[in-house]
Amino acid sequence: MLSKEKLFELRRTESIHTKIVLTKREEDINQLLRKGDSIKVISSELHIFQNTVKVYISKIYRKFGVHSRAEYYVNYDVLSGNMEVKI
């Protein structure tokens, strides 16, 4: 059986190195989100309903482990692999 410390270390390592996989549509929306586009602009650009955009944004946030747009912007570089995580 693993010690609590070893189990914690394994979980921490797995979470840092887990690659986030987005679907094609999620990636499209993610690109527009990174530009700072609003839900209205994204829906117009991709020719989909605003509620559909909201659903995709929720899925993206869940995959990145964030709960708001502000948290998404603050953490995007770290989560996307553009910045090294300091622990």
C-alpha atoms as a PDB file:
ATOM      1  CA  MET A   1       0.000   0.000   0.000  1.00  0.00           C
ATOM      2  CA  LEU A   2       1.219   3.489  -0.884  1.00  0.00           C
ATOM      3  CA  SER A   3       1.967   6.018   1.828  1.00  0.00           C
ATOM      4  CA  LYS A   4      -0.097   9.208   1.937  1.00  0.00           C
ATOM      5  CA  GLU A   5       2.932  11.219   0.821  1.00  0.00           C
ATOM      6  CA  LYS A   6       3.616   8.960  -2.170  1.00  0.00           C
ATOM      7  CA  LEU A   7      -0.064   8.968  -3.176  1.00  0.00           C
ATOM      8  CA  PHE A   8      -0.157  12.774  -2.965  1.00  0.00           C
ATOM      9  CA  GLU A   9       3.007  13.014  -5.068  1.00  0.00           C
ATOM     10  CA  LEU A  10       1.554  10.692  -7.729  1.00  0.00           C
ATOM     11  CA  ARG A  11      -1.685  12.676  -7.936  1.00  0.00           C
ATOM     12  CA  ARG A  12       0.194  15.991  -8.133  1.00  0.00           C
ATOM     13  CA  THR A  13       2.476  14.688 -10.878  1.00  0.00           C
ATOM     14  CA  GLU A  14      -0.413  13.228 -12.883  1.00  0.00           C
ATOM     15  CA  SER A  15      -2.401  16.460 -12.710  1.00  0.00           C
ATOM     16  CA  ILE A  16       0.537  18.550 -13.924  1.00  0.00           C
ATOM     17  CA  HIS A  17       1.346  16.265 -16.847  1.00  0.00           C
ATOM     18  CA  THR A  18      -2.183  15.477 -17.975  1.00  0.00           C
ATOM     19  CA  LYS A  19      -2.735  16.805 -21.478  1.00  0.00           C
ATOM     20  CA  ILE A  20      -5.990  18.668 -21.992  1.00  0.00           C
ATOM     21  CA  VAL A  21      -7.724  17.484 -25.151  1.00  0.00           C
ATOM     22  CA  LEU A  22     -10.310  19.725 -26.791  1.00  0.00           C
ATOM     23  CA  THR A  23     -12.677  18.779 -29.596  1.00  0.00           C
ATOM     24  CA  LYS A  24     -12.426  20.726 -32.866  1.00  0.00           C
ATOM     25  CA  ARG A  25     -15.372  22.968 -31.919  1.00  0.00           C
ATOM     26  CA  GLU A  26     -14.024  23.503 -28.392  1.00  0.00           C
ATOM     27  CA  GLU A  27     -10.678  24.488 -29.899  1.00  0.00           C
ATOM     28  CA  ASP A  28     -12.402  26.956 -32.252  1.00  0.00           C
ATOM     29  CA  ILE A  29     -14.210  28.555 -29.325  1.00  0.00           C
ATOM     30  CA  ASN A  30     -11.077  28.453 -27.173  1.00  0.00           C
ATOM     31  CA  GLN A  31      -9.167  30.420 -29.828  1.00  0.00           C
ATOM     32  CA  LEU A  32     -11.869  33.097 -29.907  1.00  0.00           C
ATOM     33  CA  LEU A  33     -12.042  33.197 -26.098  1.00  0.00           C
ATOM     34  CA  ARG A  34      -8.296  33.788 -25.939  1.00  0.00           C
ATOM     35  CA  LYS A  35      -8.779  36.791 -28.232  1.00  0.00           C
ATOM     36  CA  GLY A  36     -11.309  38.143 -25.731  1.00  0.00           C
ATOM     37  CA  ASP A  37     -14.357  37.763 -27.976  1.00  0.00           C
ATOM     38  CA  SER A  38     -17.782  37.874 -26.337  1.00  0.00           C
ATOM     39  CA  ILE A  39     -20.328  35.078 -26.494  1.00  0.00           C
ATOM     40  CA  LYS A  40     -22.309  37.116 -29.014  1.00  0.00           C
ATOM     41  CA  VAL A  41     -19.273  37.579 -31.286  1.00  0.00           C
ATOM     42  CA  ILE A  42     -18.290  33.900 -31.014  1.00  0.00           C
ATOM     43  CA  SER A  43     -21.811  32.735 -31.889  1.00  0.00           C
ATOM     44  CA  SER A  44     -21.913  35.065 -34.877  1.00  0.00           C
ATOM     45  CA  GLU A  45     -18.448  34.047 -36.055  1.00  0.00           C
ATOM     46  CA  LEU A  46     -19.180  30.300 -35.824  1.00  0.00           C
ATOM     47  CA  HIS A  47     -22.847  30.527 -36.873  1.00  0.00           C
ATOM     48  CA  ILE A  48     -24.157  28.810 -33.753  1.00  0.00           C
ATOM     49  CA  PHE A  49     -26.589  29.851 -31.011  1.00  0.00           C
ATOM     50  CA  GLN A  50     -25.315  31.827 -28.017  1.00  0.00           C
ATOM     51  CA  ASN A  51     -26.554  29.103 -25.642  1.00  0.00           C
ATOM     52  CA  THR A  52     -24.495  26.559 -27.601  1.00  0.00           C
ATOM     53  CA  VAL A  53     -21.425  28.748 -27.119  1.00  0.00           C
ATOM     54  CA  LYS A  54     -22.153  28.893 -23.376  1.00  0.00           C
ATOM     55  CA  VAL A  55     -22.325  25.091 -23.219  1.00  0.00           C
ATOM     56  CA  TYR A  56     -18.982  24.757 -25.014  1.00  0.00           C
ATOM     57  CA  ILE A  57     -17.384  27.379 -22.761  1.00  0.00           C
ATOM     58  CA  SER A  58     -18.585  25.438 -19.713  1.00  0.00           C
ATOM     59  CA  LYS A  59     -16.988  22.281 -21.111  1.00  0.00           C
ATOM     60  CA  ILE A  60     -13.723  24.135 -21.786  1.00  0.00           C
ATOM     61  CA  TYR A  61     -13.691  25.602 -18.268  1.00  0.00           C
ATOM     62  CA  ARG A  62     -14.336  22.149 -16.793  1.00  0.00           C
ATOM     63  CA  LYS A  63     -11.446  20.663 -18.773  1.00  0.00           C
ATOM     64  CA  PHE A  64      -9.132  23.478 -17.651  1.00  0.00           C
ATOM     65  CA  GLY A  65     -10.404  23.242 -14.079  1.00  0.00           C
ATOM     66  CA  VAL A  66     -11.575  26.861 -13.883  1.00  0.00           C
ATOM     67  CA  HIS A  67     -14.947  28.378 -13.009  1.00  0.00           C
ATOM     68  CA  SER A  68     -14.963  31.849 -14.570  1.00  0.00           C
ATOM     69  CA  ARG A  69     -13.602  33.807 -17.493  1.00  0.00           C
ATOM     70  CA  ALA A  70     -11.311  35.771 -15.164  1.00  0.00           C
ATOM     71  CA  GLU A  71      -9.870  32.539 -13.760  1.00  0.00           C
ATOM     72  CA  TYR A  72      -9.507  31.209 -17.321  1.00  0.00           C
ATOM     73  CA  TYR A  73      -7.490  34.255 -18.418  1.00  0.00           C
ATOM     74  CA  VAL A  74      -5.300  34.225 -15.310  1.00  0.00           C
ATOM     75  CA  ASN A  75      -4.526  30.514 -15.668  1.00  0.00           C
ATOM     76  CA  TYR A  76      -4.590  30.029 -19.450  1.00  0.00           C
ATOM     77  CA  ASP A  77      -0.818  30.234 -20.012  1.00  0.00           C
ATOM     78  CA  VAL A  78      -0.099  27.730 -17.272  1.00  0.00           C
ATOM     79  CA  LEU A  79      -2.886  25.355 -18.325  1.00  0.00           C
ATOM     80  CA  SER A  80      -2.081  25.445 -22.018  1.00  0.00           C
ATOM     81  CA  GLY A  81       1.565  24.628 -21.434  1.00  0.00           C
ATOM     82  CA  ASN A  82       2.839  28.078 -22.402  1.00  0.00           C
ATOM     83  CA  MET A  83       4.215  28.654 -18.916  1.00  0.00           C
ATOM     84  CA  GLU A  84       6.038  26.421 -16.473  1.00  0.00           C
ATOM     85  CA  VAL A  85       4.130  25.573 -13.312  1.00  0.00           C
ATOM     86  CA  LYS A  86       6.046  26.605 -10.185  1.00  0.00           C
ATOM     87  CA  ILE A  87       5.380  24.399  -7.155  1.00  0.00           C
END
